[in-house]
Amino acid sequence: APKGGGRHTIMLQQATSAPGSRTWTDFDSTPAALDFFTGGYEKELRKLNPASAQLTYTVADLHTYVDSLHDLSMLVADPQTKQYAPKGKDFIKSQLMMRIKQAAK
């Protein structure tokens, strides 16, 4: 595993049912993937609220955004099996909640 115990993570996103909206991005760790995803959400909020000096949102807002995507999943490396474990929206939502709680401390 990379330094810091991170597990290589591949995030797969599909914004709409159109195959052309599929993207994937890889990261050294799951937290890095979650931070990237949250950053993308914040960019969308900025587009929708260009006059706002400060963005505010709740975990529920972030979860609604996750659910609004046609597909969102992660493949997380498991050093024991040397394979990638597929993780769906529920896993991603719970991980996002933990990241936000950590950031609030």
PDB file of N, CA and C in Angstrom:
ATOM      1  N   ALA A   1       0.845  -1.192   0.000  1.00  0.00           N
ATOM      2  CA  ALA A   1       0.000   0.000   0.000  1.00  0.00           C
ATOM      3  C   ALA A   1       0.882   1.244   0.000  1.00  0.00           C
ATOM      4  N   PRO A   2       0.395   2.336  -0.608  1.00  0.00           N
ATOM      5  CA  PRO A   2       1.164   3.575  -0.616  1.00  0.00           C
ATOM      6  C   PRO A   2       1.374   4.091   0.800  1.00  0.00           C
ATOM      7  N   LYS A   3       2.288   5.057   0.939  1.00  0.00           N
ATOM      8  CA  LYS A   3       2.546   5.692   2.237  1.00  0.00           C
ATOM      9  C   LYS A   3       1.241   6.171   2.858  1.00  0.00           C
ATOM     10  N   GLY A   4       1.156   6.040   4.172  1.00  0.00           N
ATOM     11  CA  GLY A   4      -0.031   6.526   4.858  1.00  0.00           C
ATOM     12  C   GLY A   4      -1.170   5.529   4.840  1.00  0.00           C
ATOM     13  N   GLY A   5      -0.930   4.322   4.354  1.00  0.00           N
ATOM     14  CA  GLY A   5      -1.956   3.287   4.365  1.00  0.00           C
ATOM     15  C   GLY A   5      -3.085   3.514   3.386  1.00  0.00           C
ATOM     16  N   GLY A   6      -2.912   4.415   2.411  1.00  0.00           N
ATOM     17  CA  GLY A   6      -3.967   4.665   1.440  1.00  0.00           C
ATOM     18  C   GLY A   6      -4.170   3.480   0.521  1.00  0.00           C
ATOM     19  N   ARG A   7      -5.407   3.295   0.090  1.00  0.00           N
ATOM     20  CA  ARG A   7      -5.727   2.230  -0.854  1.00  0.00           C
ATOM     21  C   ARG A   7      -6.060   2.855  -2.202  1.00  0.00           C
ATOM     22  N   HIS A   8      -5.357   2.438  -3.230  1.00  0.00           N
ATOM     23  CA  HIS A   8      -5.622   2.967  -4.567  1.00  0.00           C
ATOM     24  C   HIS A   8      -7.112   2.855  -4.853  1.00  0.00           C
ATOM     25  N   THR A   9      -7.703   3.931  -5.346  1.00  0.00           N
ATOM     26  CA  THR A   9      -9.145   3.999  -5.565  1.00  0.00           C
ATOM     27  C   THR A   9      -9.427   4.559  -6.950  1.00  0.00           C
ATOM     28  N   ILE A  10     -10.331   3.896  -7.666  1.00  0.00           N
ATOM     29  CA  ILE A  10     -10.790   4.372  -8.971  1.00  0.00           C
ATOM     30  C   ILE A  10     -12.252   4.789  -8.802  1.00  0.00           C
ATOM     31  N   MET A  11     -12.539   6.057  -9.107  1.00  0.00           N
ATOM     32  CA  MET A  11     -13.912   6.544  -9.014  1.00  0.00           C
ATOM     33  C   MET A  11     -14.521   6.567 -10.407  1.00  0.00           C
ATOM     34  N   LEU A  12     -15.697   5.965 -10.527  1.00  0.00           N
ATOM     35  CA  LEU A  12     -16.433   5.907 -11.784  1.00  0.00           C
ATOM     36  C   LEU A  12     -17.693   6.748 -11.624  1.00  0.00           C
ATOM     37  N   GLN A  13     -17.856   7.740 -12.507  1.00  0.00           N
ATOM     38  CA  GLN A  13     -19.021   8.613 -12.445  1.00  0.00           C
ATOM     39  C   GLN A  13     -19.733   8.610 -13.784  1.00  0.00           C
ATOM     40  N   GLN A  14     -21.064   8.648 -13.726  1.00  0.00           N
ATOM     41  CA  GLN A  14     -21.867   8.857 -14.928  1.00  0.00           C
ATOM     42  C   GLN A  14     -22.977   9.820 -14.538  1.00  0.00           C
ATOM     43  N   ALA A  15     -22.875  11.057 -15.031  1.00  0.00           N
ATOM     44  CA  ALA A  15     -23.801  12.119 -14.618  1.00  0.00           C
ATOM     45  C   ALA A  15     -25.232  11.863 -15.090  1.00  0.00           C
ATOM     46  N   THR A  16     -25.378  11.408 -16.339  1.00  0.00           N
ATOM     47  CA  THR A  16     -26.705  11.179 -16.923  1.00  0.00           C
ATOM     48  C   THR A  16     -26.728   9.801 -17.571  1.00  0.00           C
ATOM     49  N   SER A  17     -27.849   9.446 -18.175  1.00  0.00           N
ATOM     50  CA  SER A  17     -27.932   8.143 -18.839  1.00  0.00           C
ATOM     51  C   SER A  17     -27.116   8.100 -20.136  1.00  0.00           C
ATOM     52  N   ALA A  18     -26.647   9.260 -20.605  1.00  0.00           N
ATOM     53  CA  ALA A  18     -25.846   9.308 -21.835  1.00  0.00           C
ATOM     54  C   ALA A  18     -24.474   8.665 -21.599  1.00  0.00           C
ATOM     55  N   PRO A  19     -24.107   7.665 -22.421  1.00  0.00           N
ATOM     56  CA  PRO A  19     -22.803   7.020 -22.247  1.00  0.00           C
ATOM     57  C   PRO A  19     -21.636   8.004 -22.271  1.00  0.00           C
ATOM     58  N   GLY A  20     -21.778   9.104 -22.989  1.00  0.00           N
ATOM     59  CA  GLY A  20     -20.716  10.099 -23.078  1.00  0.00           C
ATOM     60  C   GLY A  20     -20.451  10.841 -21.776  1.00  0.00           C
ATOM     61  N   SER A  21     -21.354  10.703 -20.800  1.00  0.00           N
ATOM     62  CA  SER A  21     -21.156  11.397 -19.519  1.00  0.00           C
ATOM     63  C   SER A  21     -20.349  10.555 -18.526  1.00  0.00           C
ATOM     64  N   ARG A  22     -19.880   9.395 -18.974  1.00  0.00           N
ATOM     65  CA  ARG A  22     -19.071   8.531 -18.101  1.00  0.00           C
ATOM     66  C   ARG A  22     -17.654   9.069 -17.969  1.00  0.00           C
ATOM     67  N   THR A  23     -17.152   9.092 -16.733  1.00  0.00           N
ATOM     68  CA  THR A  23     -15.757   9.452 -16.489  1.00  0.00           C
ATOM     69  C   THR A  23     -15.204   8.533 -15.409  1.00  0.00           C
ATOM     70  N   TRP A  24     -13.890   8.433 -15.383  1.00  0.00           N
ATOM     71  CA  TRP A  24     -13.237   7.739 -14.271  1.00  0.00           C
ATOM     72  C   TRP A  24     -11.983   8.507 -13.914  1.00  0.00           C
ATOM     73  N   THR A  25     -11.633   8.457 -12.652  1.00  0.00           N
ATOM     74  CA  THR A  25     -10.439   9.130 -12.149  1.00  0.00           C
ATOM     75  C   THR A  25      -9.832   8.223 -11.098  1.00  0.00           C
ATOM     76  N   ASP A  26      -8.495   8.141 -11.060  1.00  0.00           N
ATOM     77  CA  ASP A  26      -7.891   7.297 -10.026  1.00  0.00           C
ATOM     78  C   ASP A  26      -7.124   8.131  -9.015  1.00  0.00           C
ATOM     79  N   PHE A  27      -7.041   7.598  -7.797  1.00  0.00           N
ATOM     80  CA  PHE A  27      -6.477   8.308  -6.649  1.00  0.00           C
ATOM     81  C   PHE A  27      -5.614   7.360  -5.829  1.00  0.00           C
ATOM     82  N   ASP A  28      -4.692   7.936  -5.049  1.00  0.00           N
ATOM     83  CA  ASP A  28      -3.842   7.133  -4.168  1.00  0.00           C
ATOM     84  C   ASP A  28      -4.601   6.600  -2.963  1.00  0.00           C
ATOM     85  N   SER A  29      -5.745   7.221  -2.653  1.00  0.00           N
ATOM     86  CA  SER A  29      -6.509   6.792  -1.479  1.00  0.00           C
ATOM     87  C   SER A  29      -7.986   7.123  -1.663  1.00  0.00           C
ATOM     88  N   THR A  30      -8.830   6.450  -0.873  1.00  0.00           N
ATOM     89  CA  THR A  30     -10.262   6.738  -0.901  1.00  0.00           C
ATOM     90  C   THR A  30     -10.553   8.160  -0.411  1.00  0.00           C
ATOM     91  N   PRO A  31      -9.908   8.635   0.688  1.00  0.00           N
ATOM     92  CA  PRO A  31     -10.159  10.032   1.095  1.00  0.00           C
ATOM     93  C   PRO A  31      -9.846  11.047  -0.012  1.00  0.00           C
ATOM     94  N   ALA A  32      -8.794  10.804  -0.787  1.00  0.00           N
ATOM     95  CA  ALA A  32      -8.463  11.716  -1.894  1.00  0.00           C
ATOM     96  C   ALA A  32      -9.581  11.717  -2.932  1.00  0.00           C
ATOM     97  N   ALA A  33     -10.162  10.544  -3.207  1.00  0.00           N
ATOM     98  CA  ALA A  33     -11.276  10.448  -4.160  1.00  0.00           C
ATOM     99  C   ALA A  33     -12.492  11.198  -3.625  1.00  0.00           C
ATOM    100  N   LEU A  34     -12.768  11.046  -2.337  1.00  0.00           N
ATOM    101  CA  LEU A  34     -13.911  11.729  -1.726  1.00  0.00           C
ATOM    102  C   LEU A  34     -13.735  13.243  -1.760  1.00  0.00           C
ATOM    103  N   ASP A  35     -12.520  13.712  -1.488  1.00  0.00           N
ATOM    104  CA  ASP A  35     -12.253  15.152  -1.525  1.00  0.00           C
ATOM    105  C   ASP A  35     -12.419  15.702  -2.941  1.00  0.00           C
ATOM    106  N   PHE A  36     -11.980  14.933  -3.935  1.00  0.00           N
ATOM    107  CA  PHE A  36     -12.142  15.329  -5.335  1.00  0.00           C
ATOM    108  C   PHE A  36     -13.630  15.430  -5.676  1.00  0.00           C
ATOM    109  N   PHE A  37     -14.402  14.429  -5.243  1.00  0.00           N
ATOM    110  CA  PHE A  37     -15.840  14.412  -5.510  1.00  0.00           C
ATOM    111  C   PHE A  37     -16.519  15.625  -4.867  1.00  0.00           C
ATOM    112  N   THR A  38     -16.177  15.898  -3.605  1.00  0.00           N
ATOM    113  CA  THR A  38     -16.755  17.043  -2.897  1.00  0.00           C
ATOM    114  C   THR A  38     -16.379  18.349  -3.595  1.00  0.00           C
ATOM    115  N   GLY A  39     -15.141  18.437  -4.074  1.00  0.00           N
ATOM    116  CA  GLY A  39     -14.709  19.614  -4.829  1.00  0.00           C
ATOM    117  C   GLY A  39     -15.533  19.814  -6.092  1.00  0.00           C
ATOM    118  N   GLY A  40     -15.862  18.720  -6.772  1.00  0.00           N
ATOM    119  CA  GLY A  40     -16.708  18.787  -7.969  1.00  0.00           C
ATOM    120  C   GLY A  40     -18.107  19.281  -7.633  1.00  0.00           C
ATOM    121  N   TYR A  41     -18.627  18.806  -6.499  1.00  0.00           N
ATOM    122  CA  TYR A  41     -19.942  19.254  -6.038  1.00  0.00           C
ATOM    123  C   TYR A  41     -19.907  20.760  -5.756  1.00  0.00           C
ATOM    124  N   GLU A  42     -18.842  21.212  -5.108  1.00  0.00           N
ATOM    125  CA  GLU A  42     -18.720  22.639  -4.795  1.00  0.00           C
ATOM    126  C   GLU A  42     -18.622  23.486  -6.064  1.00  0.00           C
ATOM    127  N   LYS A  43     -17.952  22.964  -7.096  1.00  0.00           N
ATOM    128  CA  LYS A  43     -17.894  23.684  -8.386  1.00  0.00           C
ATOM    129  C   LYS A  43     -19.291  23.832  -8.980  1.00  0.00           C
ATOM    130  N   GLU A  44     -20.092  22.746  -8.894  1.00  0.00           N
ATOM    131  CA  GLU A  44     -21.474  22.804  -9.391  1.00  0.00           C
ATOM    132  C   GLU A  44     -22.271  23.860  -8.614  1.00  0.00           C
ATOM    133  N   LEU A  45     -22.107  23.878  -7.298  1.00  0.00           N
ATOM    134  CA  LEU A  45     -22.803  24.880  -6.474  1.00  0.00           C
ATOM    135  C   LEU A  45     -22.409  26.298  -6.873  1.00  0.00           C
ATOM    136  N   ARG A  46     -21.121  26.517  -7.136  1.00  0.00           N
ATOM    137  CA  ARG A  46     -20.643  27.854  -7.552  1.00  0.00           C
ATOM    138  C   ARG A  46     -21.313  28.278  -8.858  1.00  0.00           C
ATOM    139  N   LYS A  47     -21.444  27.320  -9.796  1.00  0.00           N
ATOM    140  CA  LYS A  47     -22.100  27.632 -11.078  1.00  0.00           C
ATOM    141  C   LYS A  47     -23.548  28.038 -10.851  1.00  0.00           C
ATOM    142  N   LEU A  48     -24.222  27.336  -9.922  1.00  0.00           N
ATOM    143  CA  LEU A  48     -25.630  27.607  -9.659  1.00  0.00           C
ATOM    144  C   LEU A  48     -25.838  28.867  -8.822  1.00  0.00           C
ATOM    145  N   ASN A  49     -24.820  29.249  -8.046  1.00  0.00           N
ATOM    146  CA  ASN A  49     -24.930  30.402  -7.138  1.00  0.00           C
ATOM    147  C   ASN A  49     -23.734  31.339  -7.312  1.00  0.00           C
ATOM    148  N   PRO A  50     -23.579  31.928  -8.504  1.00  0.00           N
ATOM    149  CA  PRO A  50     -22.374  32.727  -8.773  1.00  0.00           C
ATOM    150  C   PRO A  50     -22.237  33.966  -7.886  1.00  0.00           C
ATOM    151  N   ALA A  51     -23.341  34.475  -7.364  1.00  0.00           N
ATOM    152  CA  ALA A  51     -23.278  35.695  -6.553  1.00  0.00           C
ATOM    153  C   ALA A  51     -22.942  35.418  -5.087  1.00  0.00           C
ATOM    154  N   SER A  52     -23.005  34.158  -4.673  1.00  0.00           N
ATOM    155  CA  SER A  52     -22.748  33.821  -3.266  1.00  0.00           C
ATOM    156  C   SER A  52     -21.270  33.926  -2.938  1.00  0.00           C
ATOM    157  N   ALA A  53     -20.969  34.664  -1.871  1.00  0.00           N
ATOM    158  CA  ALA A  53     -19.576  34.806  -1.439  1.00  0.00           C
ATOM    159  C   ALA A  53     -19.089  33.527  -0.768  1.00  0.00           C
ATOM    160  N   GLN A  54     -20.010  32.853  -0.067  1.00  0.00           N
ATOM    161  CA  GLN A  54     -19.636  31.641   0.650  1.00  0.00           C
ATOM    162  C   GLN A  54     -20.652  30.551   0.361  1.00  0.00           C
ATOM    163  N   LEU A  55     -20.163  29.337   0.133  1.00  0.00           N
ATOM    164  CA  LEU A  55     -21.045  28.201  -0.102  1.00  0.00           C
ATOM    165  C   LEU A  55     -21.338  27.500   1.214  1.00  0.00           C
ATOM    166  N   THR A  56     -22.591  27.152   1.406  1.00  0.00           N
ATOM    167  CA  THR A  56     -22.936  26.309   2.550  1.00  0.00           C
ATOM    168  C   THR A  56     -23.808  25.174   2.036  1.00  0.00           C
ATOM    169  N   TYR A  57     -23.570  23.986   2.588  1.00  0.00           N
ATOM    170  CA  TYR A  57     -24.385  22.829   2.240  1.00  0.00           C
ATOM    171  C   TYR A  57     -24.299  21.822   3.371  1.00  0.00           C
ATOM    172  N   THR A  58     -25.252  20.911   3.380  1.00  0.00           N
ATOM    173  CA  THR A  58     -25.300  19.894   4.426  1.00  0.00           C
ATOM    174  C   THR A  58     -24.902  18.540   3.841  1.00  0.00           C
ATOM    175  N   VAL A  59     -24.703  17.584   4.730  1.00  0.00           N
ATOM    176  CA  VAL A  59     -24.442  16.208   4.291  1.00  0.00           C
ATOM    177  C   VAL A  59     -25.630  15.724   3.456  1.00  0.00           C
ATOM    178  N   ALA A  60     -26.847  16.106   3.866  1.00  0.00           N
ATOM    179  CA  ALA A  60     -28.047  15.706   3.119  1.00  0.00           C
ATOM    180  C   ALA A  60     -28.005  16.244   1.685  1.00  0.00           C
ATOM    181  N   ASP A  61     -27.528  17.482   1.508  1.00  0.00           N
ATOM    182  CA  ASP A  61     -27.402  18.056   0.161  1.00  0.00           C
ATOM    183  C   ASP A  61     -26.427  17.236  -0.679  1.00  0.00           C
ATOM    184  N   LEU A  62     -25.318  16.858  -0.066  1.00  0.00           N
ATOM    185  CA  LEU A  62     -24.301  16.067  -0.760  1.00  0.00           C
ATOM    186  C   LEU A  62     -24.864  14.697  -1.134  1.00  0.00           C
ATOM    187  N   HIS A  63     -25.630  14.091  -0.226  1.00  0.00           N
ATOM    188  CA  HIS A  63     -26.249  12.788  -0.501  1.00  0.00           C
ATOM    189  C   HIS A  63     -27.266  12.895  -1.637  1.00  0.00           C
ATOM    190  N   THR A  64     -28.020  14.000  -1.673  1.00  0.00           N
ATOM    191  CA  THR A  64     -28.979  14.221  -2.762  1.00  0.00           C
ATOM    192  C   THR A  64     -28.237  14.312  -4.095  1.00  0.00           C
ATOM    193  N   TYR A  65     -27.094  14.978  -4.083  1.00  0.00           N
ATOM    194  CA  TYR A  65     -26.267  15.080  -5.293  1.00  0.00           C
ATOM    195  C   TYR A  65     -25.780  13.697  -5.732  1.00  0.00           C
ATOM    196  N   VAL A  66     -25.317  12.885  -4.783  1.00  0.00           N
ATOM    197  CA  VAL A  66     -24.884  11.511  -5.098  1.00  0.00           C
ATOM    198  C   VAL A  66     -26.033  10.771  -5.775  1.00  0.00           C
ATOM    199  N   ASP A  67     -27.234  10.863  -5.182  1.00  0.00           N
ATOM    200  CA  ASP A  67     -28.397  10.155  -5.728  1.00  0.00           C
ATOM    201  C   ASP A  67     -28.826  10.691  -7.085  1.00  0.00           C
ATOM    202  N   SER A  68     -28.529  11.964  -7.371  1.00  0.00           N
ATOM    203  CA  SER A  68     -28.940  12.562  -8.645  1.00  0.00           C
ATOM    204  C   SER A  68     -28.095  12.061  -9.821  1.00  0.00           C
ATOM    205  N   LEU A  69     -26.915  11.529  -9.526  1.00  0.00           N
ATOM    206  CA  LEU A  69     -26.047  11.031 -10.595  1.00  0.00           C
ATOM    207  C   LEU A  69     -26.583   9.702 -11.113  1.00  0.00           C
ATOM    208  N   HIS A  70     -26.490   9.496 -12.417  1.00  0.00           N
ATOM    209  CA  HIS A  70     -26.961   8.243 -13.002  1.00  0.00           C
ATOM    210  C   HIS A  70     -26.220   7.057 -12.389  1.00  0.00           C
ATOM    211  N   ASP A  71     -24.905   7.201 -12.223  1.00  0.00           N
ATOM    212  CA  ASP A  71     -24.118   6.148 -11.586  1.00  0.00           C
ATOM    213  C   ASP A  71     -22.911   6.763 -10.899  1.00  0.00           C
ATOM    214  N   LEU A  72     -22.565   6.211  -9.762  1.00  0.00           N
ATOM    215  CA  LEU A  72     -21.368   6.609  -9.028  1.00  0.00           C
ATOM    216  C   LEU A  72     -20.902   5.391  -8.255  1.00  0.00           C
ATOM    217  N   SER A  73     -19.668   5.006  -8.485  1.00  0.00           N
ATOM    218  CA  SER A  73     -19.114   3.878  -7.746  1.00  0.00           C
ATOM    219  C   SER A  73     -17.611   4.042  -7.638  1.00  0.00           C
ATOM    220  N   MET A  74     -17.033   3.223  -6.767  1.00  0.00           N
ATOM    221  CA  MET A  74     -15.584   3.225  -6.583  1.00  0.00           C
ATOM    222  C   MET A  74     -15.084   1.794  -6.607  1.00  0.00           C
ATOM    223  N   LEU A  75     -13.883   1.637  -7.089  1.00  0.00           N
ATOM    224  CA  LEU A  75     -13.166   0.370  -6.981  1.00  0.00           C
ATOM    225  C   LEU A  75     -12.003   0.655  -6.042  1.00  0.00           C
ATOM    226  N   VAL A  76     -11.988  -0.031  -4.899  1.00  0.00           N
ATOM    227  CA  VAL A  76     -10.992   0.231  -3.862  1.00  0.00           C
ATOM    228  C   VAL A  76     -10.061  -0.971  -3.749  1.00  0.00           C
ATOM    229  N   ALA A  77      -8.763  -0.723  -3.887  1.00  0.00           N
ATOM    230  CA  ALA A  77      -7.773  -1.797  -3.822  1.00  0.00           C
ATOM    231  C   ALA A  77      -7.779  -2.444  -2.443  1.00  0.00           C
ATOM    232  N   ASP A  78      -7.734  -3.781  -2.441  1.00  0.00           N
ATOM    233  CA  ASP A  78      -7.630  -4.548  -1.203  1.00  0.00           C
ATOM    234  C   ASP A  78      -6.272  -5.233  -1.202  1.00  0.00           C
ATOM    235  N   PRO A  79      -5.343  -4.766  -0.345  1.00  0.00           N
ATOM    236  CA  PRO A  79      -3.986  -5.329  -0.364  1.00  0.00           C
ATOM    237  C   PRO A  79      -3.945  -6.815  -0.012  1.00  0.00           C
ATOM    238  N   GLN A  80      -4.913  -7.299   0.775  1.00  0.00           N
ATOM    239  CA  GLN A  80      -4.938  -8.717   1.141  1.00  0.00           C
ATOM    240  C   GLN A  80      -5.198  -9.606  -0.075  1.00  0.00           C
ATOM    241  N   THR A  81      -6.222  -9.248  -0.852  1.00  0.00           N
ATOM    242  CA  THR A  81      -6.611 -10.088  -1.993  1.00  0.00           C
ATOM    243  C   THR A  81      -5.935  -9.656  -3.290  1.00  0.00           C
ATOM    244  N   LYS A  82      -5.295  -8.473  -3.269  1.00  0.00           N
ATOM    245  CA  LYS A  82      -4.690  -7.896  -4.478  1.00  0.00           C
ATOM    246  C   LYS A  82      -5.725  -7.723  -5.594  1.00  0.00           C
ATOM    247  N   GLN A  83      -6.943  -7.406  -5.184  1.00  0.00           N
ATOM    248  CA  GLN A  83      -8.033  -7.149  -6.123  1.00  0.00           C
ATOM    249  C   GLN A  83      -8.717  -5.842  -5.729  1.00  0.00           C
ATOM    250  N   TYR A  84      -9.591  -5.371  -6.615  1.00  0.00           N
ATOM    251  CA  TYR A  84     -10.372  -4.173  -6.330  1.00  0.00           C
ATOM    252  C   TYR A  84     -11.764  -4.579  -5.865  1.00  0.00           C
ATOM    253  N   ALA A  85     -12.206  -3.976  -4.760  1.00  0.00           N
ATOM    254  CA  ALA A  85     -13.547  -4.227  -4.237  1.00  0.00           C
ATOM    255  C   ALA A  85     -14.476  -3.125  -4.739  1.00  0.00           C
ATOM    256  N   PRO A  86     -15.588  -3.516  -5.389  1.00  0.00           N
ATOM    257  CA  PRO A  86     -16.538  -2.504  -5.863  1.00  0.00           C
ATOM    258  C   PRO A  86     -17.335  -1.915  -4.700  1.00  0.00           C
ATOM    259  N   LYS A  87     -17.508  -0.601  -4.719  1.00  0.00           N
ATOM    260  CA  LYS A  87     -18.266   0.106  -3.678  1.00  0.00           C
ATOM    261  C   LYS A  87     -19.284   1.012  -4.355  1.00  0.00           C
ATOM    262  N   GLY A  88     -20.517   0.980  -3.861  1.00  0.00           N
ATOM    263  CA  GLY A  88     -21.595   1.752  -4.475  1.00  0.00           C
ATOM    264  C   GLY A  88     -21.915   3.047  -3.753  1.00  0.00           C
ATOM    265  N   LYS A  89     -23.065   3.605  -4.108  1.00  0.00           N
ATOM    266  CA  LYS A  89     -23.471   4.914  -3.584  1.00  0.00           C
ATOM    267  C   LYS A  89     -23.611   4.926  -2.061  1.00  0.00           C
ATOM    268  N   ASP A  90     -24.126   3.841  -1.456  1.00  0.00           N
ATOM    269  CA  ASP A  90     -24.303   3.826   0.003  1.00  0.00           C
ATOM    270  C   ASP A  90     -22.960   3.937   0.717  1.00  0.00           C
ATOM    271  N   PHE A  91     -21.959   3.197   0.219  1.00  0.00           N
ATOM    272  CA  PHE A  91     -20.609   3.267   0.783  1.00  0.00           C
ATOM    273  C   PHE A  91     -20.070   4.692   0.643  1.00  0.00           C
ATOM    274  N   ILE A  92     -20.235   5.267  -0.543  1.00  0.00           N
ATOM    275  CA  ILE A  92     -19.712   6.609  -0.805  1.00  0.00           C
ATOM    276  C   ILE A  92     -20.381   7.626   0.123  1.00  0.00           C
ATOM    277  N   LYS A  93     -21.702   7.515   0.310  1.00  0.00           N
ATOM    278  CA  LYS A  93     -22.410   8.438   1.199  1.00  0.00           C
ATOM    279  C   LYS A  93     -21.896   8.321   2.636  1.00  0.00           C
ATOM    280  N   SER A  94     -21.700   7.098   3.118  1.00  0.00           N
ATOM    281  CA  SER A  94     -21.224   6.932   4.499  1.00  0.00           C
ATOM    282  C   SER A  94     -19.800   7.468   4.649  1.00  0.00           C
ATOM    283  N   GLN A  95     -18.967   7.271   3.629  1.00  0.00           N
ATOM    284  CA  GLN A  95     -17.599   7.784   3.670  1.00  0.00           C
ATOM    285  C   GLN A  95     -17.581   9.312   3.623  1.00  0.00           C
ATOM    286  N   LEU A  96     -18.462   9.903   2.810  1.00  0.00           N
ATOM    287  CA  LEU A  96     -18.559  11.367   2.749  1.00  0.00           C
ATOM    288  C   LEU A  96     -18.963  11.931   4.111  1.00  0.00           C
ATOM    289  N   MET A  97     -19.905  11.267   4.780  1.00  0.00           N
ATOM    290  CA  MET A  97     -20.342  11.734   6.091  1.00  0.00           C
ATOM    291  C   MET A  97     -19.169  11.699   7.077  1.00  0.00           C
ATOM    292  N   MET A  98     -18.387  10.629   7.056  1.00  0.00           N
ATOM    293  CA  MET A  98     -17.232  10.537   7.956  1.00  0.00           C
ATOM    294  C   MET A  98     -16.198  11.623   7.650  1.00  0.00           C
ATOM    295  N   ARG A  99     -15.957  11.900   6.354  1.00  0.00           N
ATOM    296  CA  ARG A  99     -14.989  12.943   5.965  1.00  0.00           C
ATOM    297  C   ARG A  99     -15.442  14.305   6.480  1.00  0.00           C
ATOM    298  N   ILE A 100     -16.734  14.599   6.335  1.00  0.00           N
ATOM    299  CA  ILE A 100     -17.258  15.899   6.763  1.00  0.00           C
ATOM    300  C   ILE A 100     -17.181  16.028   8.285  1.00  0.00           C
ATOM    301  N   LYS A 101     -17.485  14.939   8.998  1.00  0.00           N
ATOM    302  CA  LYS A 101     -17.378  14.965  10.468  1.00  0.00           C
ATOM    303  C   LYS A 101     -15.935  15.215  10.892  1.00  0.00           C
ATOM    304  N   GLN A 102     -14.977  14.580  10.215  1.00  0.00           N
ATOM    305  CA  GLN A 102     -13.559  14.780  10.532  1.00  0.00           C
ATOM    306  C   GLN A 102     -13.153  16.226  10.272  1.00  0.00           C
ATOM    307  N   ALA A 103     -13.625  16.778   9.158  1.00  0.00           N
ATOM    308  CA  ALA A 103     -13.269  18.154   8.785  1.00  0.00           C
ATOM    309  C   ALA A 103     -13.847  19.162   9.777  1.00  0.00           C
ATOM    310  N   ALA A 104     -14.980  18.816  10.384  1.00  0.00           N
ATOM    311  CA  ALA A 104     -15.649  19.734  11.311  1.00  0.00           C
ATOM    312  C   ALA A 104     -14.949  19.793  12.669  1.00  0.00           C
ATOM    313  N   LYS A 105     -14.089  18.820  12.949  1.00  0.00           N
ATOM    314  CA  LYS A 105     -13.409  18.778  14.260  1.00  0.00           C
ATOM    315  C   LYS A 105     -12.363  19.865  14.380  1.00  0.00           C
TER     316      LYS A 105
END
